[in-house]
Amino acid sequence: MAEKSRTINLFRKIGYAEGVSFLLLVAIAMPLKYVFGIPEAVRYLGWAHGILFVVYCYMVVQAAQELRWPFGKIFLAFLAALLPFGPFLFDRLYLRK
């Protein structure tokens, strides 16, 4: 049981970081690039978000295997990574207990 809670806790932290990085990328870095002509924000924040996205997807697979999630829950976890606020919503609906 302790292993399951560790996996969920790590998954929640990665999901939070991925969600925040996505929102920062869309709300701050993209306007800096396209409105003010400052591409560095997208370059660095995009790079960090990309890494967090890959780690999040890995954690979906890890959690799904360890916790034996049904296909629908796995699909929603992957879908959450593609939507603004998705990881936060997935956390609230499926991971908090």
PDB file of N, CA and C in Angstrom:
ATOM      1  N   MET A   1       0.821  -1.196   0.000  1.00  0.00           N
ATOM      2  CA  MET A   1       0.000   0.000   0.000  1.00  0.00           C
ATOM      3  C   MET A   1       0.865   1.261   0.000  1.00  0.00           C
ATOM      4  N   ALA A   2       1.980   1.223   0.718  1.00  0.00           N
ATOM      5  CA  ALA A   2       2.856   2.393   0.777  1.00  0.00           C
ATOM      6  C   ALA A   2       3.423   2.707  -0.602  1.00  0.00           C
ATOM      7  N   GLU A   3       3.711   1.678  -1.394  1.00  0.00           N
ATOM      8  CA  GLU A   3       4.236   1.875  -2.744  1.00  0.00           C
ATOM      9  C   GLU A   3       3.202   2.577  -3.624  1.00  0.00           C
ATOM     10  N   LYS A   4       1.937   2.200  -3.458  1.00  0.00           N
ATOM     11  CA  LYS A   4       0.871   2.828  -4.241  1.00  0.00           C
ATOM     12  C   LYS A   4       0.732   4.303  -3.891  1.00  0.00           C
ATOM     13  N   SER A   5       0.777   4.618  -2.621  1.00  0.00           N
ATOM     14  CA  SER A   5       0.626   6.013  -2.227  1.00  0.00           C
ATOM     15  C   SER A   5       1.839   6.843  -2.681  1.00  0.00           C
ATOM     16  N   ARG A   6       3.024   6.240  -2.694  1.00  0.00           N
ATOM     17  CA  ARG A   6       4.207   6.937  -3.201  1.00  0.00           C
ATOM     18  C   ARG A   6       4.077   7.246  -4.688  1.00  0.00           C
ATOM     19  N   THR A   7       3.578   6.275  -5.434  1.00  0.00           N
ATOM     20  CA  THR A   7       3.383   6.470  -6.868  1.00  0.00           C
ATOM     21  C   THR A   7       2.360   7.570  -7.121  1.00  0.00           C
ATOM     22  N   ILE A   8       1.256   7.542  -6.401  1.00  0.00           N
ATOM     23  CA  ILE A   8       0.221   8.566  -6.568  1.00  0.00           C
ATOM     24  C   ILE A   8       0.763   9.940  -6.175  1.00  0.00           C
ATOM     25  N   ASN A   9       1.489  10.020  -5.074  1.00  0.00           N
ATOM     26  CA  ASN A   9       2.043  11.311  -4.646  1.00  0.00           C
ATOM     27  C   ASN A   9       3.007  11.879  -5.682  1.00  0.00           C
ATOM     28  N   LEU A  10       3.875  11.042  -6.219  1.00  0.00           N
ATOM     29  CA  LEU A  10       4.805  11.494  -7.250  1.00  0.00           C
ATOM     30  C   LEU A  10       4.051  11.899  -8.510  1.00  0.00           C
ATOM     31  N   PHE A  11       3.062  11.121  -8.894  1.00  0.00           N
ATOM     32  CA  PHE A  11       2.260  11.428 -10.075  1.00  0.00           C
ATOM     33  C   PHE A  11       1.532  12.761  -9.898  1.00  0.00           C
ATOM     34  N   ARG A  12       0.998  13.013  -8.719  1.00  0.00           N
ATOM     35  CA  ARG A  12       0.302  14.270  -8.455  1.00  0.00           C
ATOM     36  C   ARG A  12       1.263  15.452  -8.551  1.00  0.00           C
ATOM     37  N   LYS A  13       2.464  15.303  -8.019  1.00  0.00           N
ATOM     38  CA  LYS A  13       3.452  16.387  -8.082  1.00  0.00           C
ATOM     39  C   LYS A  13       3.871  16.675  -9.513  1.00  0.00           C
ATOM     40  N   ILE A  14       4.127  15.626 -10.283  1.00  0.00           N
ATOM     41  CA  ILE A  14       4.507  15.796 -11.687  1.00  0.00           C
ATOM     42  C   ILE A  14       3.345  16.416 -12.458  1.00  0.00           C
ATOM     43  N   GLY A  15       2.131  15.967 -12.184  1.00  0.00           N
ATOM     44  CA  GLY A  15       0.961  16.534 -12.852  1.00  0.00           C
ATOM     45  C   GLY A  15       0.792  18.004 -12.552  1.00  0.00           C
ATOM     46  N   TYR A  16       1.018  18.386 -11.308  1.00  0.00           N
ATOM     47  CA  TYR A  16       0.924  19.790 -10.932  1.00  0.00           C
ATOM     48  C   TYR A  16       1.981  20.611 -11.671  1.00  0.00           C
ATOM     49  N   ALA A  17       3.209  20.124 -11.683  1.00  0.00           N
ATOM     50  CA  ALA A  17       4.297  20.842 -12.357  1.00  0.00           C
ATOM     51  C   ALA A  17       4.027  20.943 -13.861  1.00  0.00           C
ATOM     52  N   GLU A  18       3.549  19.883 -14.457  1.00  0.00           N
ATOM     53  CA  GLU A  18       3.254  19.884 -15.894  1.00  0.00           C
ATOM     54  C   GLU A  18       2.125  20.862 -16.195  1.00  0.00           C
ATOM     55  N   GLY A  19       1.101  20.861 -15.370  1.00  0.00           N
ATOM     56  CA  GLY A  19      -0.021  21.779 -15.566  1.00  0.00           C
ATOM     57  C   GLY A  19       0.391  23.237 -15.436  1.00  0.00           C
ATOM     58  N   VAL A  20       1.199  23.532 -14.432  1.00  0.00           N
ATOM     59  CA  VAL A  20       1.669  24.913 -14.238  1.00  0.00           C
ATOM     60  C   VAL A  20       2.555  25.333 -15.406  1.00  0.00           C
ATOM     61  N   SER A  21       3.441  24.450 -15.846  1.00  0.00           N
ATOM     62  CA  SER A  21       4.330  24.801 -16.956  1.00  0.00           C
ATOM     63  C   SER A  21       3.540  25.054 -18.236  1.00  0.00           C
ATOM     64  N   PHE A  22       2.487  24.289 -18.458  1.00  0.00           N
ATOM     65  CA  PHE A  22       1.646  24.483 -19.640  1.00  0.00           C
ATOM     66  C   PHE A  22       0.938  25.837 -19.578  1.00  0.00           C
ATOM     67  N   LEU A  23       0.395  26.161 -18.419  1.00  0.00           N
ATOM     68  CA  LEU A  23      -0.297  27.445 -18.267  1.00  0.00           C
ATOM     69  C   LEU A  23       0.671  28.623 -18.411  1.00  0.00           C
ATOM     70  N   LEU A  24       1.863  28.502 -17.843  1.00  0.00           N
ATOM     71  CA  LEU A  24       2.866  29.563 -17.993  1.00  0.00           C
ATOM     72  C   LEU A  24       3.285  29.723 -19.451  1.00  0.00           C
ATOM     73  N   LEU A  25       3.417  28.607 -20.131  1.00  0.00           N
ATOM     74  CA  LEU A  25       3.799  28.643 -21.539  1.00  0.00           C
ATOM     75  C   LEU A  25       2.743  29.375 -22.360  1.00  0.00           C
ATOM     76  N   VAL A  26       1.481  29.036 -22.143  1.00  0.00           N
ATOM     77  CA  VAL A  26       0.397  29.625 -22.927  1.00  0.00           C
ATOM     78  C   VAL A  26       0.091  31.061 -22.505  1.00  0.00           C
ATOM     79  N   ALA A  27       0.083  31.327 -21.209  1.00  0.00           N
ATOM     80  CA  ALA A  27      -0.359  32.633 -20.713  1.00  0.00           C
ATOM     81  C   ALA A  27       0.739  33.693 -20.666  1.00  0.00           C
ATOM     82  N   ILE A  28       1.990  33.267 -20.543  1.00  0.00           N
ATOM     83  CA  ILE A  28       3.065  34.256 -20.403  1.00  0.00           C
ATOM     84  C   ILE A  28       4.069  34.166 -21.551  1.00  0.00           C
ATOM     85  N   ALA A  29       4.614  32.982 -21.786  1.00  0.00           N
ATOM     86  CA  ALA A  29       5.684  32.848 -22.771  1.00  0.00           C
ATOM     87  C   ALA A  29       5.215  33.113 -24.198  1.00  0.00           C
ATOM     88  N   MET A  30       4.067  32.594 -24.577  1.00  0.00           N
ATOM     89  CA  MET A  30       3.577  32.799 -25.940  1.00  0.00           C
ATOM     90  C   MET A  30       3.282  34.273 -26.216  1.00  0.00           C
ATOM     91  N   PRO A  31       2.586  34.987 -25.313  1.00  0.00           N
ATOM     92  CA  PRO A  31       2.413  36.427 -25.568  1.00  0.00           C
ATOM     93  C   PRO A  31       3.747  37.188 -25.621  1.00  0.00           C
ATOM     94  N   LEU A  32       4.708  36.813 -24.787  1.00  0.00           N
ATOM     95  CA  LEU A  32       6.012  37.468 -24.845  1.00  0.00           C
ATOM     96  C   LEU A  32       6.648  37.293 -26.222  1.00  0.00           C
ATOM     97  N   LYS A  33       6.492  36.098 -26.780  1.00  0.00           N
ATOM     98  CA  LYS A  33       7.093  35.837 -28.086  1.00  0.00           C
ATOM     99  C   LYS A  33       6.339  36.550 -29.205  1.00  0.00           C
ATOM    100  N   TYR A  34       5.037  36.379 -29.245  1.00  0.00           N
ATOM    101  CA  TYR A  34       4.283  36.847 -30.404  1.00  0.00           C
ATOM    102  C   TYR A  34       3.810  38.299 -30.308  1.00  0.00           C
ATOM    103  N   VAL A  35       3.716  38.836 -29.109  1.00  0.00           N
ATOM    104  CA  VAL A  35       3.291  40.225 -28.967  1.00  0.00           C
ATOM    105  C   VAL A  35       4.498  41.155 -28.812  1.00  0.00           C
ATOM    106  N   PHE A  36       5.466  40.706 -28.000  1.00  0.00           N
ATOM    107  CA  PHE A  36       6.596  41.570 -27.690  1.00  0.00           C
ATOM    108  C   PHE A  36       7.901  41.175 -28.381  1.00  0.00           C
ATOM    109  N   GLY A  37       7.879  40.083 -29.134  1.00  0.00           N
ATOM    110  CA  GLY A  37       9.069  39.675 -29.868  1.00  0.00           C
ATOM    111  C   GLY A  37      10.191  39.132 -29.011  1.00  0.00           C
ATOM    112  N   ILE A  38       9.855  38.508 -27.881  1.00  0.00           N
ATOM    113  CA  ILE A  38      10.866  37.941 -26.985  1.00  0.00           C
ATOM    114  C   ILE A  38      10.724  36.406 -27.015  1.00  0.00           C
ATOM    115  N   PRO A  39      11.457  35.726 -27.894  1.00  0.00           N
ATOM    116  CA  PRO A  39      11.281  34.285 -28.054  1.00  0.00           C
ATOM    117  C   PRO A  39      11.952  33.432 -26.970  1.00  0.00           C
ATOM    118  N   GLU A  40      12.825  34.022 -26.168  1.00  0.00           N
ATOM    119  CA  GLU A  40      13.560  33.222 -25.178  1.00  0.00           C
ATOM    120  C   GLU A  40      12.641  32.543 -24.168  1.00  0.00           C
ATOM    121  N   ALA A  41      11.560  33.217 -23.793  1.00  0.00           N
ATOM    122  CA  ALA A  41      10.644  32.634 -22.813  1.00  0.00           C
ATOM    123  C   ALA A  41      10.056  31.328 -23.334  1.00  0.00           C
ATOM    124  N   VAL A  42       9.662  31.306 -24.599  1.00  0.00           N
ATOM    125  CA  VAL A  42       9.104  30.081 -25.182  1.00  0.00           C
ATOM    126  C   VAL A  42      10.184  29.019 -25.296  1.00  0.00           C
ATOM    127  N   ARG A  43      11.376  29.435 -25.659  1.00  0.00           N
ATOM    128  CA  ARG A  43      12.459  28.473 -25.823  1.00  0.00           C
ATOM    129  C   ARG A  43      12.713  27.712 -24.524  1.00  0.00           C
ATOM    130  N   TYR A  44      12.894  28.428 -23.441  1.00  0.00           N
ATOM    131  CA  TYR A  44      13.245  27.771 -22.182  1.00  0.00           C
ATOM    132  C   TYR A  44      12.046  27.146 -21.476  1.00  0.00           C
ATOM    133  N   LEU A  45      10.948  27.849 -21.435  1.00  0.00           N
ATOM    134  CA  LEU A  45       9.762  27.293 -20.781  1.00  0.00           C
ATOM    135  C   LEU A  45       9.191  26.136 -21.597  1.00  0.00           C
ATOM    136  N   GLY A  46       9.269  26.264 -22.913  1.00  0.00           N
ATOM    137  CA  GLY A  46       8.807  25.170 -23.774  1.00  0.00           C
ATOM    138  C   GLY A  46       9.634  23.913 -23.581  1.00  0.00           C
ATOM    139  N   TRP A  47      10.924  24.099 -23.440  1.00  0.00           N
ATOM    140  CA  TRP A  47      11.824  22.968 -23.199  1.00  0.00           C
ATOM    141  C   TRP A  47      11.480  22.283 -21.873  1.00  0.00           C
ATOM    142  N   ALA A  48      11.306  23.086 -20.824  1.00  0.00           N
ATOM    143  CA  ALA A  48      10.969  22.530 -19.508  1.00  0.00           C
ATOM    144  C   ALA A  48       9.604  21.840 -19.549  1.00  0.00           C
ATOM    145  N   HIS A  49       8.648  22.463 -20.213  1.00  0.00           N
ATOM    146  CA  HIS A  49       7.321  21.855 -20.316  1.00  0.00           C
ATOM    147  C   HIS A  49       7.385  20.535 -21.086  1.00  0.00           C
ATOM    148  N   GLY A  50       8.178  20.495 -22.128  1.00  0.00           N
ATOM    149  CA  GLY A  50       8.313  19.261 -22.899  1.00  0.00           C
ATOM    150  C   GLY A  50       8.836  18.110 -22.056  1.00  0.00           C
ATOM    151  N   ILE A  51       9.824  18.385 -21.245  1.00  0.00           N
ATOM    152  CA  ILE A  51      10.353  17.354 -20.357  1.00  0.00           C
ATOM    153  C   ILE A  51       9.298  16.920 -19.344  1.00  0.00           C
ATOM    154  N   LEU A  52       8.608  17.882 -18.754  1.00  0.00           N
ATOM    155  CA  LEU A  52       7.557  17.545 -17.782  1.00  0.00           C
ATOM    156  C   LEU A  52       6.420  16.767 -18.435  1.00  0.00           C
ATOM    157  N   PHE A  53       6.105  17.089 -19.677  1.00  0.00           N
ATOM    158  CA  PHE A  53       5.061  16.356 -20.400  1.00  0.00           C
ATOM    159  C   PHE A  53       5.448  14.891 -20.581  1.00  0.00           C
ATOM    160  N   VAL A  54       6.683  14.660 -20.982  1.00  0.00           N
ATOM    161  CA  VAL A  54       7.162  13.282 -21.177  1.00  0.00           C
ATOM    162  C   VAL A  54       7.169  12.531 -19.845  1.00  0.00           C
ATOM    163  N   VAL A  55       7.632  13.171 -18.787  1.00  0.00           N
ATOM    164  CA  VAL A  55       7.643  12.534 -17.460  1.00  0.00           C
ATOM    165  C   VAL A  55       6.216  12.245 -16.998  1.00  0.00           C
ATOM    166  N   TYR A  56       5.293  13.176 -17.247  1.00  0.00           N
ATOM    167  CA  TYR A  56       3.888  12.960 -16.889  1.00  0.00           C
ATOM    168  C   TYR A  56       3.337  11.727 -17.614  1.00  0.00           C
ATOM    169  N   CYS A  57       3.603  11.626 -18.904  1.00  0.00           N
ATOM    170  CA  CYS A  57       3.124  10.469 -19.669  1.00  0.00           C
ATOM    171  C   CYS A  57       3.732   9.174 -19.142  1.00  0.00           C
ATOM    172  N   TYR A  58       5.004   9.213 -18.801  1.00  0.00           N
ATOM    173  CA  TYR A  58       5.643   8.039 -18.193  1.00  0.00           C
ATOM    174  C   TYR A  58       4.962   7.679 -16.877  1.00  0.00           C
ATOM    175  N   MET A  59       4.644   8.691 -16.073  1.00  0.00           N
ATOM    176  CA  MET A  59       3.994   8.432 -14.784  1.00  0.00           C
ATOM    177  C   MET A  59       2.576   7.892 -14.963  1.00  0.00           C
ATOM    178  N   VAL A  60       1.900   8.276 -16.034  1.00  0.00           N
ATOM    179  CA  VAL A  60       0.579   7.691 -16.319  1.00  0.00           C
ATOM    180  C   VAL A  60       0.729   6.188 -16.523  1.00  0.00           C
ATOM    181  N   VAL A  61       1.699   5.809 -17.330  1.00  0.00           N
ATOM    182  CA  VAL A  61       1.930   4.381 -17.592  1.00  0.00           C
ATOM    183  C   VAL A  61       2.320   3.663 -16.299  1.00  0.00           C
ATOM    184  N   GLN A  62       3.217   4.266 -15.536  1.00  0.00           N
ATOM    185  CA  GLN A  62       3.672   3.672 -14.275  1.00  0.00           C
ATOM    186  C   GLN A  62       2.504   3.485 -13.308  1.00  0.00           C
ATOM    187  N   ALA A  63       1.726   4.522 -13.106  1.00  0.00           N
ATOM    188  CA  ALA A  63       0.593   4.450 -12.176  1.00  0.00           C
ATOM    189  C   ALA A  63      -0.452   3.460 -12.675  1.00  0.00           C
ATOM    190  N   ALA A  64      -0.707   3.459 -13.978  1.00  0.00           N
ATOM    191  CA  ALA A  64      -1.707   2.545 -14.542  1.00  0.00           C
ATOM    192  C   ALA A  64      -1.310   1.090 -14.319  1.00  0.00           C
ATOM    193  N   GLN A  65      -0.044   0.791 -14.462  1.00  0.00           N
ATOM    194  CA  GLN A  65       0.422  -0.585 -14.248  1.00  0.00           C
ATOM    195  C   GLN A  65       0.357  -0.973 -12.777  1.00  0.00           C
ATOM    196  N   GLU A  66       0.868  -0.107 -11.914  1.00  0.00           N
ATOM    197  CA  GLU A  66       0.915  -0.435 -10.495  1.00  0.00           C
ATOM    198  C   GLU A  66      -0.471  -0.478  -9.856  1.00  0.00           C
ATOM    199  N   LEU A  67      -1.347   0.412 -10.295  1.00  0.00           N
ATOM    200  CA  LEU A  67      -2.655   0.530  -9.662  1.00  0.00           C
ATOM    201  C   LEU A  67      -3.767  -0.144 -10.452  1.00  0.00           C
ATOM    202  N   ARG A  68      -3.399  -0.730 -11.580  1.00  0.00           N
ATOM    203  CA  ARG A  68      -4.335  -1.463 -12.434  1.00  0.00           C
ATOM    204  C   ARG A  68      -5.548  -0.624 -12.817  1.00  0.00           C
ATOM    205  N   TRP A  69      -5.257   0.520 -13.419  1.00  0.00           N
ATOM    206  CA  TRP A  69      -6.320   1.411 -13.861  1.00  0.00           C
ATOM    207  C   TRP A  69      -7.026   0.833 -15.080  1.00  0.00           C
ATOM    208  N   PRO A  70      -8.320   1.074 -15.193  1.00  0.00           N
ATOM    209  CA  PRO A  70      -9.030   0.676 -16.421  1.00  0.00           C
ATOM    210  C   PRO A  70      -8.638   1.590 -17.581  1.00  0.00           C
ATOM    211  N   PHE A  71      -8.921   1.143 -18.790  1.00  0.00           N
ATOM    212  CA  PHE A  71      -8.524   1.892 -19.982  1.00  0.00           C
ATOM    213  C   PHE A  71      -9.081   3.313 -19.972  1.00  0.00           C
ATOM    214  N   GLY A  72     -10.314   3.487 -19.561  1.00  0.00           N
ATOM    215  CA  GLY A  72     -10.933   4.811 -19.553  1.00  0.00           C
ATOM    216  C   GLY A  72     -10.178   5.808 -18.692  1.00  0.00           C
ATOM    217  N   LYS A  73      -9.713   5.374 -17.550  1.00  0.00           N
ATOM    218  CA  LYS A  73      -8.959   6.251 -16.654  1.00  0.00           C
ATOM    219  C   LYS A  73      -7.601   6.600 -17.258  1.00  0.00           C
ATOM    220  N   ILE A  74      -6.973   5.638 -17.895  1.00  0.00           N
ATOM    221  CA  ILE A  74      -5.692   5.885 -18.566  1.00  0.00           C
ATOM    222  C   ILE A  74      -5.883   6.893 -19.696  1.00  0.00           C
ATOM    223  N   PHE A  75      -6.929   6.710 -20.479  1.00  0.00           N
ATOM    224  CA  PHE A  75      -7.222   7.626 -21.578  1.00  0.00           C
ATOM    225  C   PHE A  75      -7.432   9.047 -21.057  1.00  0.00           C
ATOM    226  N   LEU A  76      -8.199   9.186 -19.982  1.00  0.00           N
ATOM    227  CA  LEU A  76      -8.456  10.506 -19.406  1.00  0.00           C
ATOM    228  C   LEU A  76      -7.180  11.140 -18.847  1.00  0.00           C
ATOM    229  N   ALA A  77      -6.301  10.326 -18.288  1.00  0.00           N
ATOM    230  CA  ALA A  77      -5.034  10.850 -17.771  1.00  0.00           C
ATOM    231  C   ALA A  77      -4.184  11.415 -18.901  1.00  0.00           C
ATOM    232  N   PHE A  78      -4.127  10.699 -20.030  1.00  0.00           N
ATOM    233  CA  PHE A  78      -3.376  11.214 -21.185  1.00  0.00           C
ATOM    234  C   PHE A  78      -4.059  12.444 -21.779  1.00  0.00           C
ATOM    235  N   LEU A  79      -5.368  12.425 -21.855  1.00  0.00           N
ATOM    236  CA  LEU A  79      -6.112  13.569 -22.370  1.00  0.00           C
ATOM    237  C   LEU A  79      -5.888  14.804 -21.498  1.00  0.00           C
ATOM    238  N   ALA A  80      -5.805  14.598 -20.198  1.00  0.00           N
ATOM    239  CA  ALA A  80      -5.596  15.708 -19.266  1.00  0.00           C
ATOM    240  C   ALA A  80      -4.299  16.455 -19.560  1.00  0.00           C
ATOM    241  N   ALA A  81      -3.288  15.741 -20.027  1.00  0.00           N
ATOM    242  CA  ALA A  81      -1.999  16.387 -20.322  1.00  0.00           C
ATOM    243  C   ALA A  81      -2.089  17.324 -21.516  1.00  0.00           C
ATOM    244  N   LEU A  82      -3.114  17.175 -22.332  1.00  0.00           N
ATOM    245  CA  LEU A  82      -3.237  17.979 -23.543  1.00  0.00           C
ATOM    246  C   LEU A  82      -4.114  19.211 -23.356  1.00  0.00           C
ATOM    247  N   LEU A  83      -4.792  19.303 -22.229  1.00  0.00           N
ATOM    248  CA  LEU A  83      -5.751  20.387 -22.004  1.00  0.00           C
ATOM    249  C   LEU A  83      -5.281  21.342 -20.904  1.00  0.00           C
ATOM    250  N   PRO A  84      -5.521  22.635 -21.091  1.00  0.00           N
ATOM    251  CA  PRO A  84      -5.229  23.551 -19.987  1.00  0.00           C
ATOM    252  C   PRO A  84      -6.068  23.169 -18.766  1.00  0.00           C
ATOM    253  N   PHE A  85      -5.478  23.169 -17.635  1.00  0.00           N
ATOM    254  CA  PHE A  85      -6.101  22.783 -16.365  1.00  0.00           C
ATOM    255  C   PHE A  85      -6.430  21.284 -16.302  1.00  0.00           C
ATOM    256  N   GLY A  86      -6.095  20.518 -17.322  1.00  0.00           N
ATOM    257  CA  GLY A  86      -6.405  19.089 -17.352  1.00  0.00           C
ATOM    258  C   GLY A  86      -5.783  18.293 -16.218  1.00  0.00           C
ATOM    259  N   PRO A  87      -4.476  18.455 -15.961  1.00  0.00           N
ATOM    260  CA  PRO A  87      -3.882  17.697 -14.860  1.00  0.00           C
ATOM    261  C   PRO A  87      -4.502  18.026 -13.498  1.00  0.00           C
ATOM    262  N   PHE A  88      -4.910  19.285 -13.318  1.00  0.00           N
ATOM    263  CA  PHE A  88      -5.531  19.680 -12.045  1.00  0.00           C
ATOM    264  C   PHE A  88      -6.905  19.022 -11.896  1.00  0.00           C
ATOM    265  N   LEU A  89      -7.652  18.993 -12.982  1.00  0.00           N
ATOM    266  CA  LEU A  89      -8.973  18.372 -12.957  1.00  0.00           C
ATOM    267  C   LEU A  89      -8.862  16.862 -12.752  1.00  0.00           C
ATOM    268  N   PHE A  90      -7.919  16.222 -13.455  1.00  0.00           N
ATOM    269  CA  PHE A  90      -7.721  14.783 -13.285  1.00  0.00           C
ATOM    270  C   PHE A  90      -7.332  14.467 -11.846  1.00  0.00           C
ATOM    271  N   ASP A  91      -6.457  15.281 -11.278  1.00  0.00           N
ATOM    272  CA  ASP A  91      -6.049  15.092  -9.886  1.00  0.00           C
ATOM    273  C   ASP A  91      -7.252  15.171  -8.954  1.00  0.00           C
ATOM    274  N   ARG A  92      -8.055  16.178  -9.156  1.00  0.00           N
ATOM    275  CA  ARG A  92      -9.211  16.393  -8.274  1.00  0.00           C
ATOM    276  C   ARG A  92     -10.238  15.271  -8.392  1.00  0.00           C
ATOM    277  N   LEU A  93     -10.470  14.801  -9.612  1.00  0.00           N
ATOM    278  CA  LEU A  93     -11.518  13.801  -9.810  1.00  0.00           C
ATOM    279  C   LEU A  93     -11.073  12.367  -9.553  1.00  0.00           C
ATOM    280  N   TYR A  94      -9.784  12.067  -9.801  1.00  0.00           N
ATOM    281  CA  TYR A  94      -9.357  10.665  -9.760  1.00  0.00           C
ATOM    282  C   TYR A  94      -8.245  10.330  -8.782  1.00  0.00           C
ATOM    283  N   LEU A  95      -7.470  11.312  -8.359  1.00  0.00           N
ATOM    284  CA  LEU A  95      -6.299  10.970  -7.543  1.00  0.00           C
ATOM    285  C   LEU A  95      -6.441  11.327  -6.075  1.00  0.00           C
ATOM    286  N   ARG A  96      -7.173  12.380  -5.759  1.00  0.00           N
ATOM    287  CA  ARG A  96      -7.328  12.789  -4.357  1.00  0.00           C
ATOM    288  C   ARG A  96      -8.252  11.834  -3.637  1.00  0.00           C
ATOM    289  N   LYS A  97      -7.800  11.387  -2.477  1.00  0.00           N
ATOM    290  CA  LYS A  97      -8.664  10.529  -1.654  1.00  0.00           C
ATOM    291  C   LYS A  97      -8.197  10.565  -0.239  1.00  0.00           C
TER     292      LYS A  97
END
